[in-house]
């Protein structure tokens, strides 16, 4: 059986990270300068890694059910 509370929490965290990614991508499009672009790229990569981990966690929970 799927732990609904845990699944809801993961879904909430996934939504937050996806929102962060959208915002960072929009910001990156507005940046000019190598330092700003590098910082934006690093932040996007960090958020993508968090999203990937959350999606794996989500899949593991759903797969248990």
PDB file of N, CA and C in Angstrom:
ATOM      1  N   UNK A   1       0.842  -1.178   0.000  1.00  0.00           N
ATOM      2  CA  UNK A   1       0.000   0.000   0.000  1.00  0.00           C
ATOM      3  C   UNK A   1       0.895   1.252   0.000  1.00  0.00           C
ATOM      4  N   UNK A   2       0.501   2.229  -0.752  1.00  0.00           N
ATOM      5  CA  UNK A   2       1.250   3.466  -0.858  1.00  0.00           C
ATOM      6  C   UNK A   2       0.976   4.343   0.367  1.00  0.00           C
ATOM      7  N   UNK A   3       2.053   4.894   0.923  1.00  0.00           N
ATOM      8  CA  UNK A   3       1.941   5.835   2.036  1.00  0.00           C
ATOM      9  C   UNK A   3       1.510   7.174   1.438  1.00  0.00           C
ATOM     10  N   UNK A   4       0.230   7.480   1.517  1.00  0.00           N
ATOM     11  CA  UNK A   4      -0.325   8.669   0.855  1.00  0.00           C
ATOM     12  C   UNK A   4       0.289   9.959   1.379  1.00  0.00           C
ATOM     13  N   UNK A   5       0.539  10.025   2.680  1.00  0.00           N
ATOM     14  CA  UNK A   5       1.138  11.242   3.248  1.00  0.00           C
ATOM     15  C   UNK A   5       2.534  11.472   2.676  1.00  0.00           C
ATOM     16  N   UNK A   6       3.310  10.406   2.579  1.00  0.00           N
ATOM     17  CA  UNK A   6       4.660  10.528   2.019  1.00  0.00           C
ATOM     18  C   UNK A   6       4.593  10.903   0.538  1.00  0.00           C
ATOM     19  N   UNK A   7       3.667  10.303  -0.177  1.00  0.00           N
ATOM     20  CA  UNK A   7       3.497  10.614  -1.595  1.00  0.00           C
ATOM     21  C   UNK A   7       3.067  12.064  -1.794  1.00  0.00           C
ATOM     22  N   UNK A   8       2.156  12.542  -0.971  1.00  0.00           N
ATOM     23  CA  UNK A   8       1.723  13.936  -1.047  1.00  0.00           C
ATOM     24  C   UNK A   8       2.888  14.888  -0.788  1.00  0.00           C
ATOM     25  N   UNK A   9       3.716  14.550   0.190  1.00  0.00           N
ATOM     26  CA  UNK A   9       4.876  15.393   0.507  1.00  0.00           C
ATOM     27  C   UNK A   9       5.867  15.414  -0.644  1.00  0.00           C
ATOM     28  N   UNK A  10       6.130  14.266  -1.229  1.00  0.00           N
ATOM     29  CA  UNK A  10       7.046  14.225  -2.375  1.00  0.00           C
ATOM     30  C   UNK A  10       6.470  15.016  -3.535  1.00  0.00           C
ATOM     31  N   UNK A  11       5.184  14.870  -3.793  1.00  0.00           N
ATOM     32  CA  UNK A  11       4.553  15.634  -4.877  1.00  0.00           C
ATOM     33  C   UNK A  11       4.655  17.135  -4.623  1.00  0.00           C
ATOM     34  N   UNK A  12       4.502  17.547  -3.366  1.00  0.00           N
ATOM     35  CA  UNK A  12       4.630  18.957  -3.019  1.00  0.00           C
ATOM     36  C   UNK A  12       6.053  19.444  -3.270  1.00  0.00           C
ATOM     37  N   UNK A  13       7.028  18.638  -2.866  1.00  0.00           N
ATOM     38  CA  UNK A  13       8.433  19.014  -3.058  1.00  0.00           C
ATOM     39  C   UNK A  13       8.799  19.031  -4.533  1.00  0.00           C
ATOM     40  N   UNK A  14       8.255  18.105  -5.312  1.00  0.00           N
ATOM     41  CA  UNK A  14       8.496  18.095  -6.757  1.00  0.00           C
ATOM     42  C   UNK A  14       7.975  19.387  -7.368  1.00  0.00           C
ATOM     43  N   UNK A  15       6.786  19.802  -6.976  1.00  0.00           N
ATOM     44  CA  UNK A  15       6.198  21.034  -7.506  1.00  0.00           C
ATOM     45  C   UNK A  15       7.064  22.249  -7.183  1.00  0.00           C
ATOM     46  N   UNK A  16       7.577  22.303  -5.959  1.00  0.00           N
ATOM     47  CA  UNK A  16       8.439  23.418  -5.562  1.00  0.00           C
ATOM     48  C   UNK A  16       9.699  23.456  -6.418  1.00  0.00           C
ATOM     49  N   UNK A  17      10.336  22.309  -6.598  1.00  0.00           N
ATOM     50  CA  UNK A  17      11.572  22.264  -7.380  1.00  0.00           C
ATOM     51  C   UNK A  17      11.291  22.596  -8.848  1.00  0.00           C
ATOM     52  N   UNK A  18      10.185  22.097  -9.387  1.00  0.00           N
ATOM     53  CA  UNK A  18       9.836  22.439 -10.774  1.00  0.00           C
ATOM     54  C   UNK A  18       9.605  23.942 -10.915  1.00  0.00           C
ATOM     55  N   UNK A  19       8.943  24.547  -9.941  1.00  0.00           N
ATOM     56  CA  UNK A  19       8.745  26.001  -9.966  1.00  0.00           C
ATOM     57  C   UNK A  19      10.082  26.727  -9.897  1.00  0.00           C
ATOM     58  N   UNK A  20      10.979  26.247  -9.023  1.00  0.00           N
ATOM     59  CA  UNK A  20      12.311  26.840  -8.924  1.00  0.00           C
ATOM     60  C   UNK A  20      13.046  26.762 -10.260  1.00  0.00           C
ATOM     61  N   UNK A  21      12.965  25.619 -10.904  1.00  0.00           N
ATOM     62  CA  UNK A  21      13.629  25.453 -12.194  1.00  0.00           C
ATOM     63  C   UNK A  21      13.085  26.425 -13.231  1.00  0.00           C
ATOM     64  N   UNK A  22      11.772  26.551 -13.300  1.00  0.00           N
ATOM     65  CA  UNK A  22      11.175  27.488 -14.257  1.00  0.00           C
ATOM     66  C   UNK A  22      11.667  28.913 -14.002  1.00  0.00           C
ATOM     67  N   UNK A  23      11.690  29.304 -12.736  1.00  0.00           N
ATOM     68  CA  UNK A  23      12.135  30.647 -12.383  1.00  0.00           C
ATOM     69  C   UNK A  23      13.613  30.854 -12.726  1.00  0.00           C
ATOM     70  N   UNK A  24      14.438  29.860 -12.421  1.00  0.00           N
ATOM     71  CA  UNK A  24      15.866  29.980 -12.722  1.00  0.00           C
ATOM     72  C   UNK A  24      16.124  30.060 -14.220  1.00  0.00           C
ATOM     73  N   UNK A  25      15.374  29.307 -14.993  1.00  0.00           N
ATOM     74  CA  UNK A  25      15.536  29.348 -16.443  1.00  0.00           C
ATOM     75  C   UNK A  25      15.136  30.713 -16.985  1.00  0.00           C
ATOM     76  N   UNK A  26      14.058  31.267 -16.456  1.00  0.00           N
ATOM     77  CA  UNK A  26      13.653  32.613 -16.867  1.00  0.00           C
ATOM     78  C   UNK A  26      14.708  33.644 -16.486  1.00  0.00           C
ATOM     79  N   UNK A  27      15.258  33.518 -15.296  1.00  0.00           N
ATOM     80  CA  UNK A  27      16.300  34.442 -14.856  1.00  0.00           C
ATOM     81  C   UNK A  27      17.545  34.301 -15.721  1.00  0.00           C
ATOM     82  N   UNK A  28      17.912  33.067 -16.042  1.00  0.00           N
ATOM     83  CA  UNK A  28      19.104  32.827 -16.851  1.00  0.00           C
ATOM     84  C   UNK A  28      18.972  33.480 -18.220  1.00  0.00           C
ATOM     85  N   UNK A  29      17.774  33.487 -18.758  1.00  0.00           N
ATOM     86  CA  UNK A  29      17.553  34.098 -20.064  1.00  0.00           C
ATOM     87  C   UNK A  29      17.776  35.611 -20.006  1.00  0.00           C
ATOM     88  N   UNK A  30      17.582  36.196 -18.842  1.00  0.00           N
ATOM     89  CA  UNK A  30      17.724  37.642 -18.695  1.00  0.00           C
ATOM     90  C   UNK A  30      19.146  38.056 -18.312  1.00  0.00           C
ATOM     91  N   UNK A  31      19.959  37.107 -17.850  1.00  0.00           N
ATOM     92  CA  UNK A  31      21.312  37.441 -17.398  1.00  0.00           C
ATOM     93  C   UNK A  31      22.218  37.801 -18.558  1.00  0.00           C
ATOM     94  N   UNK A  32      23.170  38.663 -18.256  1.00  0.00           N
ATOM     95  CA  UNK A  32      24.250  38.922 -19.199  1.00  0.00           C
ATOM     96  C   UNK A  32      25.538  38.892 -18.414  1.00  0.00           C
ATOM     97  N   UNK A  33      26.549  38.333 -18.994  1.00  0.00           N
ATOM     98  CA  UNK A  33      27.828  38.215 -18.305  1.00  0.00           C
ATOM     99  C   UNK A  33      28.116  36.778 -17.947  1.00  0.00           C
ATOM    100  N   UNK A  34      29.361  36.392 -18.131  1.00  0.00           N
ATOM    101  CA  UNK A  34      29.759  35.007 -17.924  1.00  0.00           C
ATOM    102  C   UNK A  34      29.551  34.537 -16.486  1.00  0.00           C
ATOM    103  N   UNK A  35      29.876  35.375 -15.511  1.00  0.00           N
ATOM    104  CA  UNK A  35      29.743  34.972 -14.109  1.00  0.00           C
ATOM    105  C   UNK A  35      28.289  34.697 -13.753  1.00  0.00           C
ATOM    106  N   UNK A  36      27.386  35.571 -14.210  1.00  0.00           N
ATOM    107  CA  UNK A  36      25.961  35.364 -13.940  1.00  0.00           C
ATOM    108  C   UNK A  36      25.456  34.107 -14.622  1.00  0.00           C
ATOM    109  N   UNK A  37      25.875  33.876 -15.846  1.00  0.00           N
ATOM    110  CA  UNK A  37      25.432  32.694 -16.580  1.00  0.00           C
ATOM    111  C   UNK A  37      25.937  31.417 -15.914  1.00  0.00           C
ATOM    112  N   UNK A  38      27.189  31.433 -15.457  1.00  0.00           N
ATOM    113  CA  UNK A  38      27.741  30.258 -14.788  1.00  0.00           C
ATOM    114  C   UNK A  38      27.001  29.968 -13.485  1.00  0.00           C
ATOM    115  N   UNK A  39      26.715  31.022 -12.728  1.00  0.00           N
ATOM    116  CA  UNK A  39      25.977  30.859 -11.467  1.00  0.00           C
ATOM    117  C   UNK A  39      24.573  30.307 -11.746  1.00  0.00           C
ATOM    118  N   UNK A  40      23.922  30.829 -12.767  1.00  0.00           N
ATOM    119  CA  UNK A  40      22.582  30.350 -13.119  1.00  0.00           C
ATOM    120  C   UNK A  40      22.631  28.888 -13.552  1.00  0.00           C
ATOM    121  N   UNK A  41      23.630  28.540 -14.337  1.00  0.00           N
ATOM    122  CA  UNK A  41      23.780  27.153 -14.792  1.00  0.00           C
ATOM    123  C   UNK A  41      23.982  26.217 -13.609  1.00  0.00           C
ATOM    124  N   UNK A  42      24.808  26.638 -12.645  1.00  0.00           N
ATOM    125  CA  UNK A  42      25.045  25.817 -11.451  1.00  0.00           C
ATOM    126  C   UNK A  42      23.764  25.647 -10.640  1.00  0.00           C
ATOM    127  N   UNK A  43      23.002  26.716 -10.487  1.00  0.00           N
ATOM    128  CA  UNK A  43      21.756  26.640  -9.719  1.00  0.00           C
ATOM    129  C   UNK A  43      20.733  25.748 -10.421  1.00  0.00           C
ATOM    130  N   UNK A  44      20.668  25.859 -11.735  1.00  0.00           N
ATOM    131  CA  UNK A  44      19.746  25.014 -12.501  1.00  0.00           C
ATOM    132  C   UNK A  44      20.150  23.549 -12.354  1.00  0.00           C
ATOM    133  N   UNK A  45      21.436  23.255 -12.475  1.00  0.00           N
ATOM    134  CA  UNK A  45      21.908  21.876 -12.335  1.00  0.00           C
ATOM    135  C   UNK A  45      21.594  21.329 -10.943  1.00  0.00           C
ATOM    136  N   UNK A  46      21.746  22.160  -9.918  1.00  0.00           N
ATOM    137  CA  UNK A  46      21.436  21.751  -8.553  1.00  0.00           C
ATOM    138  C   UNK A  46      19.956  21.412  -8.408  1.00  0.00           C
ATOM    139  N   UNK A  47      19.103  22.270  -8.927  1.00  0.00           N
ATOM    140  CA  UNK A  47      17.659  22.027  -8.838  1.00  0.00           C
ATOM    141  C   UNK A  47      17.262  20.799  -9.657  1.00  0.00           C
ATOM    142  N   UNK A  48      17.903  20.599 -10.814  1.00  0.00           N
ATOM    143  CA  UNK A  48      17.592  19.426 -11.633  1.00  0.00           C
ATOM    144  C   UNK A  48      17.983  18.151 -10.897  1.00  0.00           C
ATOM    145  N   UNK A  49      19.122  18.171 -10.205  1.00  0.00           N
ATOM    146  CA  UNK A  49      19.544  17.004  -9.434  1.00  0.00           C
ATOM    147  C   UNK A  49      18.545  16.713  -8.312  1.00  0.00           C
ATOM    148  N   UNK A  50      18.060  17.758  -7.651  1.00  0.00           N
ATOM    149  CA  UNK A  50      17.047  17.574  -6.602  1.00  0.00           C
ATOM    150  C   UNK A  50      15.764  16.986  -7.191  1.00  0.00           C
ATOM    151  N   UNK A  51      15.360  17.502  -8.348  1.00  0.00           N
ATOM    152  CA  UNK A  51      14.150  16.990  -8.998  1.00  0.00           C
ATOM    153  C   UNK A  51      14.325  15.525  -9.378  1.00  0.00           C
ATOM    154  N   UNK A  52      15.469  15.184  -9.945  1.00  0.00           N
ATOM    155  CA  UNK A  52      15.716  13.786 -10.318  1.00  0.00           C
ATOM    156  C   UNK A  52      15.627  12.865  -9.104  1.00  0.00           C
ATOM    157  N   UNK A  53      16.208  13.294  -7.975  1.00  0.00           N
ATOM    158  CA  UNK A  53      16.166  12.480  -6.758  1.00  0.00           C
ATOM    159  C   UNK A  53      14.733  12.332  -6.247  1.00  0.00           C
ATOM    160  N   UNK A  54      13.970  13.413  -6.277  1.00  0.00           N
ATOM    161  CA  UNK A  54      12.577  13.350  -5.832  1.00  0.00           C
ATOM    162  C   UNK A  54      11.733  12.456  -6.735  1.00  0.00           C
ATOM    163  N   UNK A  55      11.975  12.527  -8.027  1.00  0.00           N
ATOM    164  CA  UNK A  55      11.222  11.672  -8.951  1.00  0.00           C
ATOM    165  C   UNK A  55      11.538  10.199  -8.719  1.00  0.00           C
ATOM    166  N   UNK A  56      12.796   9.883  -8.412  1.00  0.00           N
ATOM    167  CA  UNK A  56      13.155   8.499  -8.093  1.00  0.00           C
ATOM    168  C   UNK A  56      12.462   8.050  -6.805  1.00  0.00           C
ATOM    169  N   UNK A  57      12.446   8.947  -5.822  1.00  0.00           N
ATOM    170  CA  UNK A  57      11.780   8.641  -4.559  1.00  0.00           C
ATOM    171  C   UNK A  57      10.283   8.416  -4.794  1.00  0.00           C
ATOM    172  N   UNK A  58       9.695   9.255  -5.621  1.00  0.00           N
ATOM    173  CA  UNK A  58       8.274   9.133  -5.971  1.00  0.00           C
ATOM    174  C   UNK A  58       8.022   7.783  -6.649  1.00  0.00           C
ATOM    175  N   UNK A  59       8.861   7.456  -7.600  1.00  0.00           N
ATOM    176  CA  UNK A  59       8.705   6.188  -8.325  1.00  0.00           C
ATOM    177  C   UNK A  59       8.830   4.994  -7.387  1.00  0.00           C
ATOM    178  N   UNK A  60       9.765   5.084  -6.440  1.00  0.00           N
ATOM    179  CA  UNK A  60       9.941   3.982  -5.480  1.00  0.00           C
ATOM    180  C   UNK A  60       8.705   3.818  -4.609  1.00  0.00           C
ATOM    181  N   UNK A  61       8.114   4.929  -4.187  1.00  0.00           N
ATOM    182  CA  UNK A  61       6.899   4.864  -3.359  1.00  0.00           C
ATOM    183  C   UNK A  61       5.730   4.308  -4.147  1.00  0.00           C
ATOM    184  N   UNK A  62       5.543   4.786  -5.341  1.00  0.00           N
ATOM    185  CA  UNK A  62       4.412   4.345  -6.147  1.00  0.00           C
ATOM    186  C   UNK A  62       4.608   2.879  -6.557  1.00  0.00           C
ATOM    187  N   UNK A  63       5.841   2.519  -6.834  1.00  0.00           N
ATOM    188  CA  UNK A  63       6.151   1.145  -7.234  1.00  0.00           C
ATOM    189  C   UNK A  63       5.905   0.133  -6.133  1.00  0.00           C
ATOM    190  N   UNK A  64       5.937   0.604  -4.884  1.00  0.00           N
ATOM    191  CA  UNK A  64       5.696  -0.282  -3.736  1.00  0.00           C
ATOM    192  C   UNK A  64       4.235  -0.714  -3.650  1.00  0.00           C
ATOM    193  N   UNK A  65       3.350   0.183  -4.138  1.00  0.00           N
ATOM    194  CA  UNK A  65       1.924  -0.023  -3.941  1.00  0.00           C
ATOM    195  C   UNK A  65       1.320  -1.061  -4.730  1.00  0.00           C
TER     196      UNK A  65
END
